[in-house]
Amino acid sequence: MKNQDLRFKMCLTATDFLNGKVSKAKVSLIEQQGDYKKGSWGLANERLPKIYILKEGREILYVGITKMPLSSRFRYGLTASGKNGYHGYAWKALARKVQSGPIDLFVYVFNSEERTEAIEAEVVYLIRNKTGKWCRYQTEIHFHHDADREEKEIARRIYKQVSR
């Protein structure tokens, strides 16, 4: 299973408040790190399976999975208001002071979605196992009891990279 690693710096800007809490936000700054065009989502916007991880300072905040373009997935999760039962990302609260500080975004793009969810589960498990706590904004976990050696190794490499 091959994957492509991408890294971004982003900020969130609150666009709506409800009862003093951020109800809607948007990505206000996105800067790709590495050999990619600055300001571009690059492969993160392809319709490929991907694991994405948010980190602020040394704290891993959230691990997610999607096959949607990441800009679309973020727009959906940051603007949901609960109207149809989905309140969106809990981490949109990071924009509580109108704009958040810089947030690291790690994206791992895979060529097959077949076992990406198992890798995501292993990454979340490693975070819990190594830190003793769940990610602050993790609201859902997909358990997989049959992750194979390769999937566990990919998860270990991802955890090692994001936990530095």
C-alpha atoms as a PDB file:
ATOM      1  CA  MET A   1       0.000   0.000   0.000  1.00  0.00           C
ATOM      2  CA  LYS A   2       1.721   3.169  -1.182  1.00  0.00           C
ATOM      3  CA  ASN A   3       0.869   6.570   0.190  1.00  0.00           C
ATOM      4  CA  GLN A   4       1.824  10.209  -0.335  1.00  0.00           C
ATOM      5  CA  ASP A   5       2.632  12.376   2.701  1.00  0.00           C
ATOM      6  CA  LEU A   6       1.648  16.061   2.622  1.00  0.00           C
ATOM      7  CA  ARG A   7       1.965  18.765   5.239  1.00  0.00           C
ATOM      8  CA  PHE A   8       0.238  22.114   5.622  1.00  0.00           C
ATOM      9  CA  LYS A   9       0.017  25.046   8.010  1.00  0.00           C
ATOM     10  CA  MET A  10      -3.467  26.423   8.407  1.00  0.00           C
ATOM     11  CA  CYS A  11      -5.530  28.774  10.541  1.00  0.00           C
ATOM     12  CA  LEU A  12      -9.254  28.803  11.188  1.00  0.00           C
ATOM     13  CA  THR A  13     -11.455  31.875  11.235  1.00  0.00           C
ATOM     14  CA  ALA A  14     -14.792  31.870  13.046  1.00  0.00           C
ATOM     15  CA  THR A  15     -17.613  33.045  10.774  1.00  0.00           C
ATOM     16  CA  ASP A  16     -20.570  32.585  13.159  1.00  0.00           C
ATOM     17  CA  PHE A  17     -21.094  32.263  16.901  1.00  0.00           C
ATOM     18  CA  LEU A  18     -24.024  30.734  18.783  1.00  0.00           C
ATOM     19  CA  ASN A  19     -24.323  31.155  22.549  1.00  0.00           C
ATOM     20  CA  GLY A  20     -20.695  32.278  22.700  1.00  0.00           C
ATOM     21  CA  LYS A  21     -19.409  29.197  20.875  1.00  0.00           C
ATOM     22  CA  VAL A  22     -18.095  28.909  17.326  1.00  0.00           C
ATOM     23  CA  SER A  23     -20.906  27.468  15.220  1.00  0.00           C
ATOM     24  CA  LYS A  24     -19.261  28.019  11.821  1.00  0.00           C
ATOM     25  CA  ALA A  25     -15.664  28.538  10.721  1.00  0.00           C
ATOM     26  CA  LYS A  26     -13.522  28.438   7.601  1.00  0.00           C
ATOM     27  CA  VAL A  27      -9.928  27.686   6.764  1.00  0.00           C
ATOM     28  CA  SER A  28      -8.455  31.168   6.537  1.00  0.00           C
ATOM     29  CA  LEU A  29      -4.852  30.368   5.733  1.00  0.00           C
ATOM     30  CA  ILE A  30      -3.468  27.321   4.043  1.00  0.00           C
ATOM     31  CA  GLU A  31       0.195  26.987   3.209  1.00  0.00           C
ATOM     32  CA  GLN A  32       1.630  23.783   1.876  1.00  0.00           C
ATOM     33  CA  GLN A  33       4.972  22.798   3.344  1.00  0.00           C
ATOM     34  CA  GLY A  34       7.648  21.088   1.272  1.00  0.00           C
ATOM     35  CA  ASP A  35       8.032  20.804  -2.492  1.00  0.00           C
ATOM     36  CA  TYR A  36       4.493  21.817  -3.362  1.00  0.00           C
ATOM     37  CA  LYS A  37       3.023  25.033  -4.660  1.00  0.00           C
ATOM     38  CA  LYS A  38       2.340  27.437  -1.788  1.00  0.00           C
ATOM     39  CA  GLY A  39      -1.359  27.979  -1.167  1.00  0.00           C
ATOM     40  CA  SER A  40      -2.373  24.822  -3.015  1.00  0.00           C
ATOM     41  CA  TRP A  41      -4.140  21.806  -1.577  1.00  0.00           C
ATOM     42  CA  GLY A  42      -2.367  19.637  -4.157  1.00  0.00           C
ATOM     43  CA  LEU A  43      -3.067  15.918  -3.806  1.00  0.00           C
ATOM     44  CA  ALA A  44      -5.143  16.592  -0.681  1.00  0.00           C
ATOM     45  CA  ASN A  45      -7.904  17.791  -3.018  1.00  0.00           C
ATOM     46  CA  GLU A  46      -7.933  14.648  -5.134  1.00  0.00           C
ATOM     47  CA  ARG A  47     -10.766  12.140  -4.752  1.00  0.00           C
ATOM     48  CA  LEU A  48      -8.467   9.593  -3.142  1.00  0.00           C
ATOM     49  CA  PRO A  49      -8.645   8.016   0.306  1.00  0.00           C
ATOM     50  CA  LYS A  50      -6.718   9.994   2.872  1.00  0.00           C
ATOM     51  CA  ILE A  51      -6.035  10.214   6.571  1.00  0.00           C
ATOM     52  CA  TYR A  52      -5.669  13.729   7.939  1.00  0.00           C
ATOM     53  CA  ILE A  53      -4.315  14.738  11.313  1.00  0.00           C
ATOM     54  CA  LEU A  54      -4.492  18.120  13.051  1.00  0.00           C
ATOM     55  CA  LYS A  55      -1.837  19.145  15.527  1.00  0.00           C
ATOM     56  CA  GLU A  56      -1.417  22.341  17.535  1.00  0.00           C
ATOM     57  CA  GLY A  57       2.005  22.742  19.089  1.00  0.00           C
ATOM     58  CA  ARG A  58       2.863  19.296  20.465  1.00  0.00           C
ATOM     59  CA  GLU A  59      -0.753  18.150  20.869  1.00  0.00           C
ATOM     60  CA  ILE A  60      -2.409  15.896  18.297  1.00  0.00           C
ATOM     61  CA  LEU A  61      -5.988  17.178  18.165  1.00  0.00           C
ATOM     62  CA  TYR A  62      -7.838  15.016  15.672  1.00  0.00           C
ATOM     63  CA  VAL A  63      -7.463  12.126  13.236  1.00  0.00           C
ATOM     64  CA  GLY A  64      -9.915  11.887  10.341  1.00  0.00           C
ATOM     65  CA  ILE A  65     -10.464   9.973   7.143  1.00  0.00           C
ATOM     66  CA  THR A  66     -12.111  10.944   3.880  1.00  0.00           C
ATOM     67  CA  LYS A  67     -12.042  10.293   0.156  1.00  0.00           C
ATOM     68  CA  MET A  68     -13.588  13.691  -0.609  1.00  0.00           C
ATOM     69  CA  PRO A  69     -11.357  16.586  -1.677  1.00  0.00           C
ATOM     70  CA  LEU A  70     -10.087  17.933   1.646  1.00  0.00           C
ATOM     71  CA  SER A  71     -11.242  21.493   0.967  1.00  0.00           C
ATOM     72  CA  SER A  72     -14.802  20.162   0.457  1.00  0.00           C
ATOM     73  CA  ARG A  73     -14.649  17.952   3.543  1.00  0.00           C
ATOM     74  CA  PHE A  74     -13.427  20.864   5.662  1.00  0.00           C
ATOM     75  CA  ARG A  75     -16.092  23.204   4.286  1.00  0.00           C
ATOM     76  CA  TYR A  76     -18.772  20.618   5.161  1.00  0.00           C
ATOM     77  CA  GLY A  77     -17.417  19.983   8.671  1.00  0.00           C
ATOM     78  CA  LEU A  78     -16.759  23.629   9.493  1.00  0.00           C
ATOM     79  CA  THR A  79     -20.097  25.045   8.323  1.00  0.00           C
ATOM     80  CA  ALA A  80     -22.485  22.387   9.657  1.00  0.00           C
ATOM     81  CA  SER A  81     -24.803  23.938  12.217  1.00  0.00           C
ATOM     82  CA  GLY A  82     -26.749  20.944  13.509  1.00  0.00           C
ATOM     83  CA  LYS A  83     -29.753  21.656  11.299  1.00  0.00           C
ATOM     84  CA  ASN A  84     -29.877  18.048  10.076  1.00  0.00           C
ATOM     85  CA  GLY A  85     -28.355  16.535  13.216  1.00  0.00           C
ATOM     86  CA  TYR A  86     -24.700  16.991  12.207  1.00  0.00           C
ATOM     87  CA  HIS A  87     -22.925  19.745  14.109  1.00  0.00           C
ATOM     88  CA  GLY A  88     -19.673  19.422  12.206  1.00  0.00           C
ATOM     89  CA  TYR A  89     -16.158  19.239  13.518  1.00  0.00           C
ATOM     90  CA  ALA A  90     -15.685  19.754  17.242  1.00  0.00           C
ATOM     91  CA  TRP A  91     -12.297  21.286  16.408  1.00  0.00           C
ATOM     92  CA  LYS A  92     -13.893  24.322  14.775  1.00  0.00           C
ATOM     93  CA  ALA A  93     -13.867  25.613  18.381  1.00  0.00           C
ATOM     94  CA  LEU A  94     -10.158  26.321  17.816  1.00  0.00           C
ATOM     95  CA  ALA A  95     -11.297  29.553  16.135  1.00  0.00           C
ATOM     96  CA  ARG A  96     -12.896  30.746  19.403  1.00  0.00           C
ATOM     97  CA  LYS A  97     -11.013  34.068  19.306  1.00  0.00           C
ATOM     98  CA  VAL A  98     -12.093  34.780  15.712  1.00  0.00           C
ATOM     99  CA  GLN A  99      -8.875  33.322  14.245  1.00  0.00           C
ATOM    100  CA  SER A 100      -6.870  30.410  15.533  1.00  0.00           C
ATOM    101  CA  GLY A 101      -3.129  30.218  15.764  1.00  0.00           C
ATOM    102  CA  PRO A 102      -1.248  28.040  13.290  1.00  0.00           C
ATOM    103  CA  ILE A 103      -2.372  24.437  13.118  1.00  0.00           C
ATOM    104  CA  ASP A 104      -0.278  21.708  11.521  1.00  0.00           C
ATOM    105  CA  LEU A 105      -2.199  19.519   9.100  1.00  0.00           C
ATOM    106  CA  PHE A 106      -0.699  16.199   8.049  1.00  0.00           C
ATOM    107  CA  VAL A 107      -2.344  14.422   5.111  1.00  0.00           C
ATOM    108  CA  TYR A 108      -1.602  10.877   4.002  1.00  0.00           C
ATOM    109  CA  VAL A 109      -3.041  10.067   0.577  1.00  0.00           C
ATOM    110  CA  PHE A 110      -3.454   6.403  -0.337  1.00  0.00           C
ATOM    111  CA  ASN A 111      -4.004   4.710  -3.686  1.00  0.00           C
ATOM    112  CA  SER A 112      -6.586   2.296  -2.249  1.00  0.00           C
ATOM    113  CA  GLU A 113      -9.304   2.882   0.321  1.00  0.00           C
ATOM    114  CA  GLU A 114      -9.602  -0.811   1.109  1.00  0.00           C
ATOM    115  CA  ARG A 115      -7.675  -0.705   4.397  1.00  0.00           C
ATOM    116  CA  THR A 116      -7.213   3.022   5.031  1.00  0.00           C
ATOM    117  CA  GLU A 117      -9.801   2.958   7.822  1.00  0.00           C
ATOM    118  CA  ALA A 118      -7.855   0.185   9.603  1.00  0.00           C
ATOM    119  CA  ILE A 119      -4.707   2.347   9.452  1.00  0.00           C
ATOM    120  CA  GLU A 120      -6.651   5.320  10.846  1.00  0.00           C
ATOM    121  CA  ALA A 121      -7.839   3.134  13.744  1.00  0.00           C
ATOM    122  CA  GLU A 122      -4.272   2.037  14.468  1.00  0.00           C
ATOM    123  CA  VAL A 123      -3.030   5.660  14.464  1.00  0.00           C
ATOM    124  CA  VAL A 124      -5.749   6.688  16.941  1.00  0.00           C
ATOM    125  CA  TYR A 125      -4.896   3.655  19.099  1.00  0.00           C
ATOM    126  CA  LEU A 126      -1.189   4.583  19.095  1.00  0.00           C
ATOM    127  CA  ILE A 127      -1.983   8.139  20.166  1.00  0.00           C
ATOM    128  CA  ARG A 128      -4.122   6.863  23.045  1.00  0.00           C
ATOM    129  CA  ASN A 129      -1.557   4.234  23.996  1.00  0.00           C
ATOM    130  CA  LYS A 130       1.464   6.586  23.898  1.00  0.00           C
ATOM    131  CA  THR A 131      -0.125   9.701  25.441  1.00  0.00           C
ATOM    132  CA  GLY A 132      -2.633   8.095  27.812  1.00  0.00           C
ATOM    133  CA  LYS A 133      -5.524  10.127  26.404  1.00  0.00           C
ATOM    134  CA  TRP A 134      -7.710  10.470  23.346  1.00  0.00           C
ATOM    135  CA  CYS A 135      -7.236  13.361  20.955  1.00  0.00           C
ATOM    136  CA  ARG A 136      -9.039  16.420  22.376  1.00  0.00           C
ATOM    137  CA  TYR A 137     -11.442  16.732  19.432  1.00  0.00           C
ATOM    138  CA  GLN A 138     -11.777  13.049  18.515  1.00  0.00           C
ATOM    139  CA  THR A 139     -15.506  12.282  18.575  1.00  0.00           C
ATOM    140  CA  GLU A 140     -15.573   9.031  16.625  1.00  0.00           C
ATOM    141  CA  ILE A 141     -13.322   6.011  16.247  1.00  0.00           C
ATOM    142  CA  HIS A 142     -13.599   3.116  13.795  1.00  0.00           C
ATOM    143  CA  PHE A 143     -12.351  -0.081  15.404  1.00  0.00           C
ATOM    144  CA  HIS A 144     -10.719  -2.788  13.294  1.00  0.00           C
ATOM    145  CA  HIS A 145      -9.715  -6.040  14.940  1.00  0.00           C
ATOM    146  CA  ASP A 146      -7.873  -7.424  11.956  1.00  0.00           C
ATOM    147  CA  ALA A 147      -5.195  -4.868  11.037  1.00  0.00           C
ATOM    148  CA  ASP A 148      -2.290  -6.670   9.424  1.00  0.00           C
ATOM    149  CA  ARG A 149       1.433  -6.116   9.959  1.00  0.00           C
ATOM    150  CA  GLU A 150       1.785  -3.697   7.016  1.00  0.00           C
ATOM    151  CA  GLU A 151      -1.122  -1.533   8.204  1.00  0.00           C
ATOM    152  CA  LYS A 152       0.278  -1.406  11.725  1.00  0.00           C
ATOM    153  CA  GLU A 153       3.694  -0.439  10.354  1.00  0.00           C
ATOM    154  CA  ILE A 154       2.205   2.367   8.239  1.00  0.00           C
ATOM    155  CA  ALA A 155       0.343   3.596  11.341  1.00  0.00           C
ATOM    156  CA  ARG A 156       3.586   3.532  13.372  1.00  0.00           C
ATOM    157  CA  ARG A 157       5.391   5.590  10.704  1.00  0.00           C
ATOM    158  CA  ILE A 158       2.529   8.108  10.616  1.00  0.00           C
ATOM    159  CA  TYR A 159       2.479   8.391  14.409  1.00  0.00           C
ATOM    160  CA  LYS A 160       6.246   8.816  14.539  1.00  0.00           C
ATOM    161  CA  GLN A 161       6.081  11.652  12.010  1.00  0.00           C
ATOM    162  CA  VAL A 162       3.229  13.565  13.620  1.00  0.00           C
ATOM    163  CA  SER A 163       4.379  13.128  17.213  1.00  0.00           C
ATOM    164  CA  ARG A 164       7.752  14.879  16.734  1.00  0.00           C
END
